[in-house]
């Protein structure tokens, strides 16, 4: 039986190694072998089904090249909800492909499989919604305290000022980046006003002593 594995994380900062190790161990224990060419890995959100590596896997299944797909958990396929989860599982089944999960702890075979899938899909969707609410609450709190949400700004006010002077003198973006020792893309964003910079820290004002009565 030709087996494949699909592993996914949501951001570039996350690591796929844990999923790969768990799947390789489980497949070996079940007597399955996954060729290196049949590992489909990507770092993308699970909020939709339009993902390059998932598309490649689905195409391979439709072509009859894969008969069993391993995933770490069912939510690695999608976290959008019950409808999308059942749709992709049914697509795999309709082409004679079996789906196996490693960490969910439930079998996806038998008469109760769709009920199990629906529960797992619902739980994944609720977890995604709760994560979104926590992120939104954290953003509101930080902004309410006068902070800035998002990636740290890479160009400080002094550097931006020097960059604008060089630009006014006819210097190219590449030349400005070399002169200021800043990435070309960073300087380009800042000068095109797509980027931002950290405001200079306000100097603490000395408080006048209250007169003694």
N, C-alpha and C. Protein backbone atom coordinates (compact mmCIF):
# COMPACT_ATOMS: atom_id res chain seq x y z
N UNK A 1 0.83 -1.20 0.00
CA UNK A 1 0.00 0.00 0.00
C UNK A 1 0.87 1.25 0.00
N UNK A 2 0.61 2.16 -0.93
CA UNK A 2 1.37 3.40 -0.99
C UNK A 2 0.82 4.39 0.03
N UNK A 3 1.68 4.80 0.94
CA UNK A 3 1.26 5.69 2.02
C UNK A 3 1.89 7.07 1.85
N UNK A 4 1.20 8.06 2.38
CA UNK A 4 1.70 9.43 2.37
C UNK A 4 1.41 10.05 3.74
N UNK A 5 2.03 11.20 3.98
CA UNK A 5 1.79 11.92 5.22
C UNK A 5 1.63 13.40 4.92
N UNK A 6 0.69 14.02 5.62
CA UNK A 6 0.49 15.46 5.48
C UNK A 6 0.70 16.12 6.83
N UNK A 7 1.65 17.06 6.88
CA UNK A 7 1.93 17.77 8.13
C UNK A 7 1.79 19.27 7.87
N UNK A 8 1.23 19.98 8.87
CA UNK A 8 0.99 21.41 8.70
C UNK A 8 1.08 22.13 10.03
N UNK A 9 1.68 23.32 9.99
CA UNK A 9 1.62 24.26 11.10
C UNK A 9 1.14 25.59 10.53
N UNK A 10 0.71 26.49 11.42
CA UNK A 10 0.07 27.72 10.94
C UNK A 10 1.03 28.85 10.61
N UNK A 11 2.22 28.84 11.21
CA UNK A 11 3.15 29.95 10.98
C UNK A 11 4.55 29.45 10.71
N UNK A 12 5.36 30.33 10.11
CA UNK A 12 6.73 29.97 9.75
C UNK A 12 7.61 29.74 10.97
N UNK A 13 7.22 30.30 12.10
CA UNK A 13 8.01 30.16 13.31
C UNK A 13 7.84 28.78 13.95
N UNK A 14 6.78 28.08 13.60
CA UNK A 14 6.51 26.78 14.19
C UNK A 14 7.29 25.68 13.47
N UNK A 15 7.45 24.55 14.18
CA UNK A 15 8.27 23.45 13.68
C UNK A 15 7.40 22.25 13.33
N UNK A 16 7.75 21.58 12.25
CA UNK A 16 7.00 20.39 11.81
C UNK A 16 7.58 19.10 12.35
N UNK A 17 8.71 19.19 13.07
CA UNK A 17 9.44 17.99 13.46
C UNK A 17 8.62 17.06 14.35
N UNK A 18 7.87 17.61 15.30
CA UNK A 18 7.09 16.78 16.22
C UNK A 18 6.08 15.94 15.46
N UNK A 19 5.38 16.54 14.52
CA UNK A 19 4.39 15.81 13.74
C UNK A 19 5.06 14.72 12.90
N UNK A 20 6.18 15.07 12.28
CA UNK A 20 6.88 14.10 11.44
C UNK A 20 7.34 12.89 12.25
N UNK A 21 7.90 13.13 13.43
CA UNK A 21 8.38 12.02 14.27
C UNK A 21 7.22 11.12 14.70
N UNK A 22 6.13 11.73 15.12
CA UNK A 22 4.98 10.97 15.60
C UNK A 22 4.38 10.12 14.48
N UNK A 23 4.27 10.70 13.29
CA UNK A 23 3.69 9.96 12.17
C UNK A 23 4.61 8.83 11.74
N UNK A 24 5.91 9.11 11.65
CA UNK A 24 6.87 8.07 11.23
C UNK A 24 6.84 6.89 12.20
N UNK A 25 6.75 7.20 13.49
CA UNK A 25 6.72 6.15 14.51
C UNK A 25 5.44 5.33 14.40
N UNK A 26 4.30 6.00 14.25
CA UNK A 26 3.02 5.31 14.15
C UNK A 26 2.94 4.46 12.89
N UNK A 27 3.42 5.00 11.78
CA UNK A 27 3.38 4.26 10.52
C UNK A 27 4.23 2.99 10.61
N UNK A 28 5.40 3.12 11.19
CA UNK A 28 6.29 1.96 11.35
C UNK A 28 5.64 0.89 12.21
N UNK A 29 4.98 1.33 13.29
CA UNK A 29 4.32 0.38 14.19
C UNK A 29 3.18 -0.36 13.50
N UNK A 30 2.58 0.28 12.49
CA UNK A 30 1.47 -0.34 11.76
C UNK A 30 1.95 -1.04 10.50
N UNK A 31 3.25 -1.12 10.32
CA UNK A 31 3.80 -1.82 9.18
C UNK A 31 3.75 -1.05 7.88
N UNK A 32 3.61 0.27 7.99
CA UNK A 32 3.56 1.12 6.79
C UNK A 32 4.88 1.85 6.59
N UNK A 33 5.18 2.15 5.34
CA UNK A 33 6.39 2.89 4.99
C UNK A 33 5.99 4.10 4.16
N UNK A 34 6.54 5.27 4.52
CA UNK A 34 6.24 6.50 3.80
C UNK A 34 7.50 6.98 3.10
N UNK A 35 7.49 6.97 1.79
CA UNK A 35 8.65 7.42 1.02
C UNK A 35 8.85 8.92 1.20
N UNK A 36 10.09 9.36 1.08
CA UNK A 36 10.40 10.78 1.27
C UNK A 36 9.61 11.68 0.32
N UNK A 37 9.33 11.17 -0.87
CA UNK A 37 8.59 11.96 -1.87
C UNK A 37 7.12 12.10 -1.52
N UNK A 38 6.66 11.31 -0.56
CA UNK A 38 5.25 11.32 -0.20
C UNK A 38 4.98 12.01 1.14
N UNK A 39 5.91 12.85 1.55
CA UNK A 39 5.67 13.72 2.70
C UNK A 39 5.25 15.09 2.16
N UNK A 40 4.08 15.52 2.55
CA UNK A 40 3.54 16.80 2.10
C UNK A 40 3.51 17.75 3.31
N UNK A 41 4.34 18.78 3.26
CA UNK A 41 4.53 19.67 4.41
C UNK A 41 4.29 21.11 4.01
N UNK A 42 3.62 21.86 4.89
CA UNK A 42 3.47 23.29 4.64
C UNK A 42 3.16 24.06 5.91
N UNK A 43 3.49 25.34 5.85
CA UNK A 43 3.27 26.24 6.97
C UNK A 43 2.24 27.27 6.55
N UNK A 44 0.98 26.89 6.72
CA UNK A 44 -0.14 27.74 6.32
C UNK A 44 -1.31 27.54 7.27
N UNK A 45 -2.18 28.52 7.30
CA UNK A 45 -3.37 28.44 8.13
C UNK A 45 -4.28 27.31 7.68
N UNK A 46 -4.97 26.72 8.64
CA UNK A 46 -5.92 25.65 8.32
C UNK A 46 -7.34 26.16 8.15
N UNK A 47 -7.49 27.48 7.94
CA UNK A 47 -8.82 28.06 7.85
C UNK A 47 -9.51 27.77 6.51
N UNK A 48 -8.76 27.26 5.55
CA UNK A 48 -9.35 26.94 4.25
C UNK A 48 -8.69 25.72 3.65
N UNK A 49 -9.19 25.26 2.51
CA UNK A 49 -8.65 24.06 1.87
C UNK A 49 -7.72 24.37 0.71
N UNK A 50 -7.62 25.63 0.32
CA UNK A 50 -6.76 25.99 -0.81
C UNK A 50 -5.31 26.19 -0.35
N UNK A 51 -4.57 25.07 -0.31
CA UNK A 51 -3.17 25.09 0.09
C UNK A 51 -2.37 24.26 -0.91
N UNK A 52 -1.21 24.77 -1.34
CA UNK A 52 -0.44 24.08 -2.40
C UNK A 52 -0.13 22.61 -2.12
N UNK A 53 0.39 22.31 -0.93
CA UNK A 53 0.78 20.93 -0.64
C UNK A 53 -0.45 20.04 -0.46
N UNK A 54 -1.49 20.57 0.14
CA UNK A 54 -2.71 19.78 0.27
C UNK A 54 -3.31 19.52 -1.10
N UNK A 55 -3.23 20.49 -1.98
CA UNK A 55 -3.70 20.30 -3.36
C UNK A 55 -2.91 19.21 -4.06
N UNK A 56 -1.59 19.19 -3.85
CA UNK A 56 -0.75 18.15 -4.47
C UNK A 56 -1.13 16.77 -3.95
N UNK A 57 -1.37 16.69 -2.65
CA UNK A 57 -1.75 15.41 -2.05
C UNK A 57 -3.09 14.94 -2.61
N UNK A 58 -4.05 15.83 -2.69
CA UNK A 58 -5.37 15.45 -3.21
C UNK A 58 -5.28 15.00 -4.66
N UNK A 59 -4.43 15.65 -5.43
CA UNK A 59 -4.25 15.25 -6.83
C UNK A 59 -3.64 13.85 -6.92
N UNK A 60 -2.68 13.57 -6.04
CA UNK A 60 -2.05 12.24 -6.03
C UNK A 60 -3.06 11.16 -5.64
N UNK A 61 -3.93 11.49 -4.71
CA UNK A 61 -4.98 10.54 -4.30
C UNK A 61 -5.94 10.29 -5.46
N UNK A 62 -6.36 11.37 -6.14
CA UNK A 62 -7.28 11.21 -7.27
C UNK A 62 -6.65 10.39 -8.40
N UNK A 63 -5.34 10.50 -8.52
CA UNK A 63 -4.63 9.76 -9.58
C UNK A 63 -4.39 8.30 -9.18
N UNK A 64 -4.76 7.92 -7.97
CA UNK A 64 -4.57 6.55 -7.51
C UNK A 64 -3.16 6.25 -7.02
N UNK A 65 -2.36 7.29 -6.80
CA UNK A 65 -0.97 7.08 -6.37
C UNK A 65 -0.85 6.83 -4.87
N UNK A 66 -1.84 7.26 -4.10
CA UNK A 66 -1.81 7.14 -2.64
C UNK A 66 -3.04 6.39 -2.17
N UNK A 67 -2.82 5.42 -1.28
CA UNK A 67 -3.94 4.64 -0.77
C UNK A 67 -4.17 4.84 0.74
N UNK A 68 -3.25 5.53 1.39
CA UNK A 68 -3.41 5.79 2.82
C UNK A 68 -2.68 7.08 3.16
N UNK A 69 -3.35 7.96 3.89
CA UNK A 69 -2.77 9.24 4.28
C UNK A 69 -2.73 9.35 5.80
N UNK A 70 -1.55 9.64 6.32
CA UNK A 70 -1.37 9.87 7.75
C UNK A 70 -1.38 11.37 8.05
N UNK A 71 -2.07 11.75 9.10
CA UNK A 71 -2.00 13.11 9.63
C UNK A 71 -1.79 13.02 11.13
N UNK A 72 -1.21 14.07 11.70
CA UNK A 72 -1.00 14.07 13.15
C UNK A 72 -2.34 14.13 13.87
N UNK A 73 -3.17 15.08 13.48
CA UNK A 73 -4.55 15.20 13.96
C UNK A 73 -5.43 15.60 12.79
N UNK A 74 -6.70 15.37 12.90
CA UNK A 74 -7.61 15.70 11.80
C UNK A 74 -7.63 17.19 11.53
N UNK A 75 -7.36 18.02 12.55
CA UNK A 75 -7.38 19.47 12.33
C UNK A 75 -6.20 19.96 11.50
N UNK A 76 -5.23 19.08 11.20
CA UNK A 76 -4.15 19.47 10.29
C UNK A 76 -4.68 19.61 8.86
N UNK A 77 -5.74 18.88 8.54
CA UNK A 77 -6.34 19.00 7.21
C UNK A 77 -7.11 20.31 7.09
N UNK A 78 -7.94 20.60 8.07
CA UNK A 78 -8.68 21.86 8.08
C UNK A 78 -9.23 22.12 9.48
N UNK A 79 -9.37 23.42 9.78
CA UNK A 79 -9.96 23.82 11.06
C UNK A 79 -11.18 24.71 10.84
N UNK A 80 -11.73 24.61 9.64
CA UNK A 80 -12.83 25.52 9.31
C UNK A 80 -14.17 25.02 9.82
N UNK A 81 -14.33 23.72 9.98
CA UNK A 81 -15.60 23.23 10.49
C UNK A 81 -15.95 21.86 9.98
N UNK A 82 -17.14 21.41 10.38
CA UNK A 82 -17.58 20.05 10.08
C UNK A 82 -17.74 19.82 8.58
N UNK A 83 -18.33 20.77 7.87
CA UNK A 83 -18.60 20.58 6.44
C UNK A 83 -17.31 20.36 5.65
N UNK A 84 -16.30 21.22 5.86
CA UNK A 84 -15.04 21.08 5.12
C UNK A 84 -14.32 19.79 5.50
N UNK A 85 -14.36 19.44 6.78
CA UNK A 85 -13.68 18.22 7.22
C UNK A 85 -14.30 16.99 6.59
N UNK A 86 -15.62 16.88 6.66
CA UNK A 86 -16.29 15.72 6.06
C UNK A 86 -16.11 15.69 4.55
N UNK A 87 -16.05 16.87 3.92
CA UNK A 87 -15.90 16.93 2.47
C UNK A 87 -14.56 16.36 2.03
N UNK A 88 -13.48 16.76 2.70
CA UNK A 88 -12.16 16.28 2.28
C UNK A 88 -11.96 14.81 2.62
N UNK A 89 -12.51 14.37 3.77
CA UNK A 89 -12.40 12.95 4.12
C UNK A 89 -13.18 12.10 3.12
N UNK A 90 -14.36 12.56 2.74
CA UNK A 90 -15.17 11.83 1.76
C UNK A 90 -14.47 11.79 0.40
N UNK A 91 -13.78 12.88 0.05
CA UNK A 91 -13.03 12.90 -1.20
C UNK A 91 -11.95 11.83 -1.20
N UNK A 92 -11.22 11.72 -0.09
CA UNK A 92 -10.19 10.70 0.01
C UNK A 92 -10.79 9.30 -0.09
N UNK A 93 -11.87 9.07 0.65
CA UNK A 93 -12.51 7.75 0.65
C UNK A 93 -13.02 7.37 -0.74
N UNK A 94 -13.60 8.36 -1.45
CA UNK A 94 -14.20 8.06 -2.75
C UNK A 94 -13.16 7.61 -3.78
N UNK A 95 -11.89 7.89 -3.49
CA UNK A 95 -10.82 7.46 -4.39
C UNK A 95 -10.01 6.32 -3.79
N UNK A 96 -10.64 5.62 -2.84
CA UNK A 96 -10.01 4.43 -2.27
C UNK A 96 -8.85 4.71 -1.34
N UNK A 97 -8.86 5.88 -0.72
CA UNK A 97 -7.76 6.25 0.18
C UNK A 97 -8.24 6.26 1.63
N UNK A 98 -7.47 5.63 2.49
CA UNK A 98 -7.78 5.56 3.92
C UNK A 98 -7.08 6.70 4.65
N UNK A 99 -7.73 7.26 5.66
CA UNK A 99 -7.15 8.34 6.46
C UNK A 99 -6.85 7.83 7.85
N UNK A 100 -5.63 8.11 8.33
CA UNK A 100 -5.23 7.67 9.67
C UNK A 100 -4.70 8.86 10.45
N UNK A 101 -5.19 9.05 11.67
CA UNK A 101 -4.66 10.10 12.54
C UNK A 101 -3.86 9.46 13.65
N UNK A 102 -2.88 10.21 14.13
CA UNK A 102 -1.95 9.68 15.13
C UNK A 102 -2.32 10.10 16.55
N UNK A 103 -2.70 11.35 16.73
CA UNK A 103 -2.87 11.89 18.08
C UNK A 103 -4.32 12.09 18.52
N UNK A 104 -5.28 11.87 17.65
CA UNK A 104 -6.67 12.08 18.04
C UNK A 104 -7.19 11.00 18.98
N UNK A 105 -6.68 9.79 18.82
CA UNK A 105 -7.09 8.71 19.71
C UNK A 105 -8.38 8.03 19.31
N UNK A 106 -8.85 8.26 18.08
CA UNK A 106 -10.09 7.65 17.60
C UNK A 106 -9.86 7.03 16.23
N UNK A 107 -10.57 5.94 15.97
CA UNK A 107 -10.50 5.32 14.66
C UNK A 107 -11.45 6.05 13.71
N UNK A 108 -11.00 6.24 12.49
CA UNK A 108 -11.83 6.90 11.49
C UNK A 108 -12.48 5.90 10.55
N UNK A 109 -12.53 4.65 10.98
CA UNK A 109 -13.18 3.60 10.21
C UNK A 109 -14.41 3.11 10.98
N UNK A 110 -15.34 2.49 10.27
CA UNK A 110 -16.51 1.92 10.92
C UNK A 110 -17.73 2.82 10.84
N UNK A 111 -18.88 2.34 11.33
CA UNK A 111 -20.14 3.08 11.21
C UNK A 111 -20.19 4.38 11.98
N UNK A 112 -19.40 4.51 13.04
CA UNK A 112 -19.43 5.73 13.85
C UNK A 112 -18.38 6.75 13.42
N UNK A 113 -17.68 6.49 12.32
CA UNK A 113 -16.56 7.34 11.91
C UNK A 113 -17.00 8.77 11.65
N UNK A 114 -18.12 8.96 10.97
CA UNK A 114 -18.56 10.31 10.64
C UNK A 114 -18.95 11.11 11.88
N UNK A 115 -19.49 10.42 12.87
CA UNK A 115 -19.83 11.10 14.13
C UNK A 115 -18.56 11.57 14.82
N UNK A 116 -17.56 10.68 14.85
CA UNK A 116 -16.27 11.04 15.46
C UNK A 116 -15.65 12.22 14.71
N UNK A 117 -15.68 12.18 13.39
CA UNK A 117 -15.12 13.26 12.59
C UNK A 117 -15.83 14.58 12.86
N UNK A 118 -17.15 14.52 12.97
CA UNK A 118 -17.93 15.74 13.21
C UNK A 118 -17.56 16.35 14.56
N UNK A 119 -17.39 15.53 15.57
CA UNK A 119 -17.01 16.02 16.90
C UNK A 119 -15.61 16.63 16.88
N UNK A 120 -14.66 15.95 16.24
CA UNK A 120 -13.30 16.46 16.15
C UNK A 120 -13.25 17.77 15.36
N UNK A 121 -14.02 17.84 14.27
CA UNK A 121 -14.05 19.05 13.46
C UNK A 121 -14.66 20.22 14.24
N UNK A 122 -15.73 19.93 14.97
CA UNK A 122 -16.37 20.98 15.79
C UNK A 122 -15.40 21.49 16.86
N UNK A 123 -14.68 20.57 17.52
CA UNK A 123 -13.72 20.97 18.55
C UNK A 123 -12.61 21.83 17.96
N UNK A 124 -12.12 21.47 16.76
CA UNK A 124 -11.07 22.25 16.12
C UNK A 124 -11.57 23.64 15.76
N UNK A 125 -12.81 23.74 15.29
CA UNK A 125 -13.37 25.04 14.93
C UNK A 125 -13.54 25.92 16.17
N UNK A 126 -13.99 25.33 17.28
CA UNK A 126 -14.16 26.08 18.52
C UNK A 126 -12.81 26.56 19.07
N UNK A 127 -11.79 25.71 18.94
CA UNK A 127 -10.46 26.08 19.40
C UNK A 127 -9.93 27.25 18.58
N UNK A 128 -10.16 27.21 17.28
CA UNK A 128 -9.73 28.30 16.40
C UNK A 128 -10.45 29.60 16.75
N UNK A 129 -11.75 29.51 17.02
CA UNK A 129 -12.52 30.71 17.38
C UNK A 129 -12.05 31.29 18.70
N UNK A 130 -11.76 30.41 19.68
CA UNK A 130 -11.28 30.87 20.98
C UNK A 130 -9.92 31.54 20.86
N UNK A 131 -9.05 30.99 20.00
CA UNK A 131 -7.74 31.59 19.78
C UNK A 131 -7.89 32.98 19.19
N UNK A 132 -8.80 33.12 18.23
CA UNK A 132 -9.03 34.44 17.62
C UNK A 132 -9.52 35.45 18.64
N UNK A 133 -10.38 35.00 19.55
CA UNK A 133 -10.89 35.90 20.59
C UNK A 133 -9.78 36.32 21.55
N UNK A 134 -8.90 35.39 21.89
CA UNK A 134 -7.78 35.73 22.80
C UNK A 134 -6.83 36.72 22.14
N UNK A 135 -6.55 36.52 20.85
CA UNK A 135 -5.67 37.43 20.13
C UNK A 135 -6.29 38.82 20.05
N UNK A 136 -7.59 38.88 19.76
CA UNK A 136 -8.28 40.16 19.66
C UNK A 136 -8.27 40.89 21.00
N UNK A 137 -8.49 40.14 22.08
CA UNK A 137 -8.49 40.75 23.42
C UNK A 137 -7.11 41.28 23.77
N UNK A 138 -6.07 40.52 23.41
CA UNK A 138 -4.70 40.97 23.70
C UNK A 138 -4.36 42.22 22.91
N UNK A 139 -4.78 42.27 21.64
CA UNK A 139 -4.54 43.45 20.82
C UNK A 139 -5.23 44.68 21.40
N UNK A 140 -6.50 44.52 21.80
CA UNK A 140 -7.25 45.64 22.38
C UNK A 140 -6.58 46.14 23.65
N UNK A 141 -6.09 45.20 24.47
CA UNK A 141 -5.45 45.60 25.73
C UNK A 141 -4.17 46.37 25.49
N UNK A 142 -3.34 45.87 24.57
CA UNK A 142 -2.05 46.52 24.27
C UNK A 142 -2.27 47.90 23.67
N UNK A 143 -3.21 48.01 22.75
CA UNK A 143 -3.47 49.31 22.13
C UNK A 143 -4.10 50.29 23.11
N UNK A 144 -4.92 49.78 24.03
CA UNK A 144 -5.52 50.64 25.05
C UNK A 144 -4.47 51.20 26.00
N UNK A 145 -3.38 50.45 26.17
CA UNK A 145 -2.29 50.89 27.04
C UNK A 145 -1.28 51.75 26.30
N UNK A 146 -1.58 52.09 25.03
CA UNK A 146 -0.70 52.94 24.25
C UNK A 146 0.37 52.20 23.49
N UNK A 147 0.32 50.88 23.48
CA UNK A 147 1.31 50.09 22.76
C UNK A 147 0.91 49.88 21.32
N UNK A 148 1.76 49.17 20.59
CA UNK A 148 1.51 48.90 19.18
C UNK A 148 1.44 47.41 18.96
N UNK A 149 0.41 46.96 18.26
CA UNK A 149 0.23 45.54 17.97
C UNK A 149 0.92 45.19 16.65
N UNK A 150 1.56 44.04 16.61
CA UNK A 150 2.17 43.58 15.36
C UNK A 150 3.67 43.43 15.48
N UNK A 151 4.31 43.23 14.34
CA UNK A 151 5.75 43.04 14.31
C UNK A 151 6.47 44.32 14.70
N UNK A 152 7.61 44.18 15.39
CA UNK A 152 8.36 45.37 15.77
C UNK A 152 8.81 46.17 14.55
N UNK A 153 8.80 47.48 14.65
CA UNK A 153 9.24 48.34 13.55
C UNK A 153 10.75 48.32 13.47
N UNK A 154 11.23 48.28 12.24
CA UNK A 154 12.67 48.06 12.07
C UNK A 154 13.45 49.34 11.80
N UNK A 155 12.77 50.44 11.48
CA UNK A 155 13.48 51.67 11.14
C UNK A 155 13.15 52.75 12.18
N UNK A 156 14.17 53.24 12.86
CA UNK A 156 13.96 54.27 13.88
C UNK A 156 13.89 55.64 13.20
N UNK A 157 13.40 56.67 13.90
CA UNK A 157 13.22 57.99 13.30
C UNK A 157 14.48 58.58 12.70
N UNK A 158 15.62 58.43 13.38
CA UNK A 158 16.86 59.01 12.89
C UNK A 158 17.30 58.36 11.58
N UNK A 159 17.17 57.02 11.52
CA UNK A 159 17.54 56.30 10.29
C UNK A 159 16.63 56.70 9.14
N UNK A 160 15.34 56.82 9.42
CA UNK A 160 14.40 57.21 8.38
C UNK A 160 14.71 58.62 7.87
N UNK A 161 15.08 59.53 8.78
CA UNK A 161 15.41 60.89 8.39
C UNK A 161 16.63 60.90 7.48
N UNK A 162 17.66 60.12 7.84
CA UNK A 162 18.87 60.05 7.02
C UNK A 162 18.55 59.43 5.66
N UNK A 163 17.64 58.44 5.65
CA UNK A 163 17.26 57.80 4.40
C UNK A 163 16.56 58.79 3.47
N UNK A 164 15.72 59.65 4.04
CA UNK A 164 15.00 60.63 3.23
C UNK A 164 15.97 61.68 2.65
N UNK A 165 16.99 62.02 3.42
CA UNK A 165 17.99 62.96 2.93
C UNK A 165 18.73 62.37 1.74
N UNK A 166 19.13 61.09 1.89
CA UNK A 166 19.84 60.42 0.79
C UNK A 166 18.94 60.27 -0.43
N UNK A 167 17.67 59.99 -0.21
CA UNK A 167 16.72 59.86 -1.31
C UNK A 167 16.58 61.19 -2.06
N UNK A 168 16.52 62.30 -1.28
CA UNK A 168 16.40 63.63 -1.89
C UNK A 168 17.62 63.97 -2.74
N UNK A 169 18.76 63.39 -2.40
CA UNK A 169 19.99 63.63 -3.15
C UNK A 169 20.10 62.74 -4.39
N UNK A 170 19.07 61.92 -4.62
CA UNK A 170 19.07 61.07 -5.80
C UNK A 170 19.66 59.69 -5.59
N UNK A 171 19.90 59.33 -4.34
CA UNK A 171 20.48 58.01 -4.07
C UNK A 171 19.43 56.92 -4.31
N UNK A 172 19.86 55.78 -4.84
CA UNK A 172 18.94 54.67 -5.09
C UNK A 172 18.62 53.96 -3.77
N UNK A 173 17.55 53.16 -3.80
CA UNK A 173 17.16 52.39 -2.62
C UNK A 173 18.31 51.46 -2.21
N UNK A 174 18.93 50.85 -3.19
CA UNK A 174 20.05 49.95 -2.90
C UNK A 174 21.20 50.71 -2.24
N UNK A 175 21.49 51.90 -2.79
CA UNK A 175 22.58 52.69 -2.22
C UNK A 175 22.27 53.15 -0.81
N UNK A 176 21.01 53.53 -0.56
CA UNK A 176 20.60 53.95 0.79
C UNK A 176 20.72 52.79 1.76
N UNK A 177 20.27 51.61 1.32
CA UNK A 177 20.34 50.43 2.18
C UNK A 177 21.78 50.09 2.56
N UNK A 178 22.68 50.19 1.58
CA UNK A 178 24.09 49.91 1.84
C UNK A 178 24.69 50.95 2.78
N UNK A 179 24.36 52.22 2.53
CA UNK A 179 24.92 53.30 3.34
C UNK A 179 24.46 53.22 4.80
N UNK A 180 23.20 52.84 5.00
CA UNK A 180 22.64 52.81 6.35
C UNK A 180 22.69 51.42 6.99
N UNK A 181 23.15 50.43 6.21
CA UNK A 181 23.26 49.05 6.70
C UNK A 181 21.91 48.52 7.17
N UNK A 182 20.90 48.75 6.32
CA UNK A 182 19.55 48.28 6.58
C UNK A 182 19.08 47.51 5.36
N UNK A 183 18.25 46.50 5.55
CA UNK A 183 17.77 45.72 4.41
C UNK A 183 17.08 46.61 3.38
N UNK A 184 17.31 46.27 2.14
CA UNK A 184 16.71 47.06 1.05
C UNK A 184 15.19 47.10 1.15
N UNK A 185 14.55 45.94 1.43
CA UNK A 185 13.10 45.88 1.51
C UNK A 185 12.56 46.73 2.65
N UNK A 186 13.33 46.79 3.76
CA UNK A 186 12.90 47.59 4.91
C UNK A 186 12.93 49.07 4.58
N UNK A 187 14.01 49.50 3.94
CA UNK A 187 14.12 50.91 3.55
C UNK A 187 13.03 51.27 2.53
N UNK A 188 12.80 50.35 1.59
CA UNK A 188 11.78 50.61 0.57
C UNK A 188 10.41 50.81 1.20
N UNK A 189 10.05 49.93 2.17
CA UNK A 189 8.76 50.06 2.83
C UNK A 189 8.65 51.37 3.59
N UNK A 190 9.74 51.73 4.29
CA UNK A 190 9.72 52.95 5.09
C UNK A 190 9.58 54.19 4.22
N UNK A 191 10.34 54.26 3.15
CA UNK A 191 10.31 55.44 2.28
C UNK A 191 9.01 55.54 1.48
N UNK A 192 8.38 54.40 1.23
CA UNK A 192 7.11 54.42 0.50
C UNK A 192 5.93 54.59 1.44
N UNK A 193 6.25 54.78 2.74
CA UNK A 193 5.26 55.03 3.80
C UNK A 193 4.39 53.82 4.07
N UNK A 194 4.88 52.64 3.65
CA UNK A 194 4.20 51.40 4.01
C UNK A 194 4.74 50.88 5.32
N UNK A 195 5.96 51.29 5.64
CA UNK A 195 6.57 50.87 6.89
C UNK A 195 6.43 51.96 7.93
N UNK A 196 6.79 51.63 9.14
CA UNK A 196 6.68 52.58 10.24
C UNK A 196 7.98 52.56 11.03
N UNK A 197 8.05 53.42 12.01
CA UNK A 197 9.24 53.43 12.83
C UNK A 197 8.84 53.69 14.27
N UNK A 198 9.71 53.31 15.15
CA UNK A 198 9.46 53.51 16.57
C UNK A 198 9.63 54.97 16.93
N UNK A 199 8.65 55.56 17.58
CA UNK A 199 8.80 56.94 17.98
C UNK A 199 9.90 57.10 19.02
N UNK A 200 10.56 58.26 18.98
CA UNK A 200 11.62 58.50 19.97
C UNK A 200 11.01 58.55 21.35
N UNK A 201 11.66 57.92 22.33
CA UNK A 201 11.10 57.92 23.67
C UNK A 201 10.97 59.34 24.21
N UNK A 202 9.81 59.63 24.78
CA UNK A 202 9.58 60.97 25.32
C UNK A 202 10.43 61.17 26.57
N UNK A 203 11.03 62.35 26.66
CA UNK A 203 11.85 62.64 27.82
C UNK A 203 10.95 62.94 29.01
N UNK A 204 11.30 62.34 30.10
CA UNK A 204 10.49 62.55 31.30
C UNK A 204 10.64 63.99 31.77
N UNK A 205 9.52 64.63 32.02
CA UNK A 205 9.55 66.00 32.49
C UNK A 205 9.65 66.02 34.01
N UNK A 206 10.49 66.95 34.49
CA UNK A 206 10.67 67.06 35.93
C UNK A 206 9.42 67.70 36.54
N UNK A 207 8.93 67.06 37.54
CA UNK A 207 7.74 67.56 38.20
C UNK A 207 8.13 68.61 39.24
N UNK A 208 7.43 69.72 39.20
CA UNK A 208 7.73 70.78 40.16
C UNK A 208 7.25 70.39 41.55
N UNK A 209 8.07 70.70 42.49
CA UNK A 209 7.70 70.39 43.87
C UNK A 209 6.56 71.29 44.31
N UNK A 210 5.61 70.73 44.99
CA UNK A 210 4.50 71.51 45.48
C UNK A 210 4.96 72.41 46.62
N UNK A 211 4.47 73.65 46.65
CA UNK A 211 4.88 74.57 47.72
C UNK A 211 4.48 74.07 49.09
N UNK A 212 5.36 74.30 50.04
CA UNK A 212 5.07 73.85 51.40
C UNK A 212 4.13 74.83 52.07
N UNK A 213 3.06 74.35 52.59
CA UNK A 213 2.09 75.25 53.21
C UNK A 213 2.46 75.56 54.63
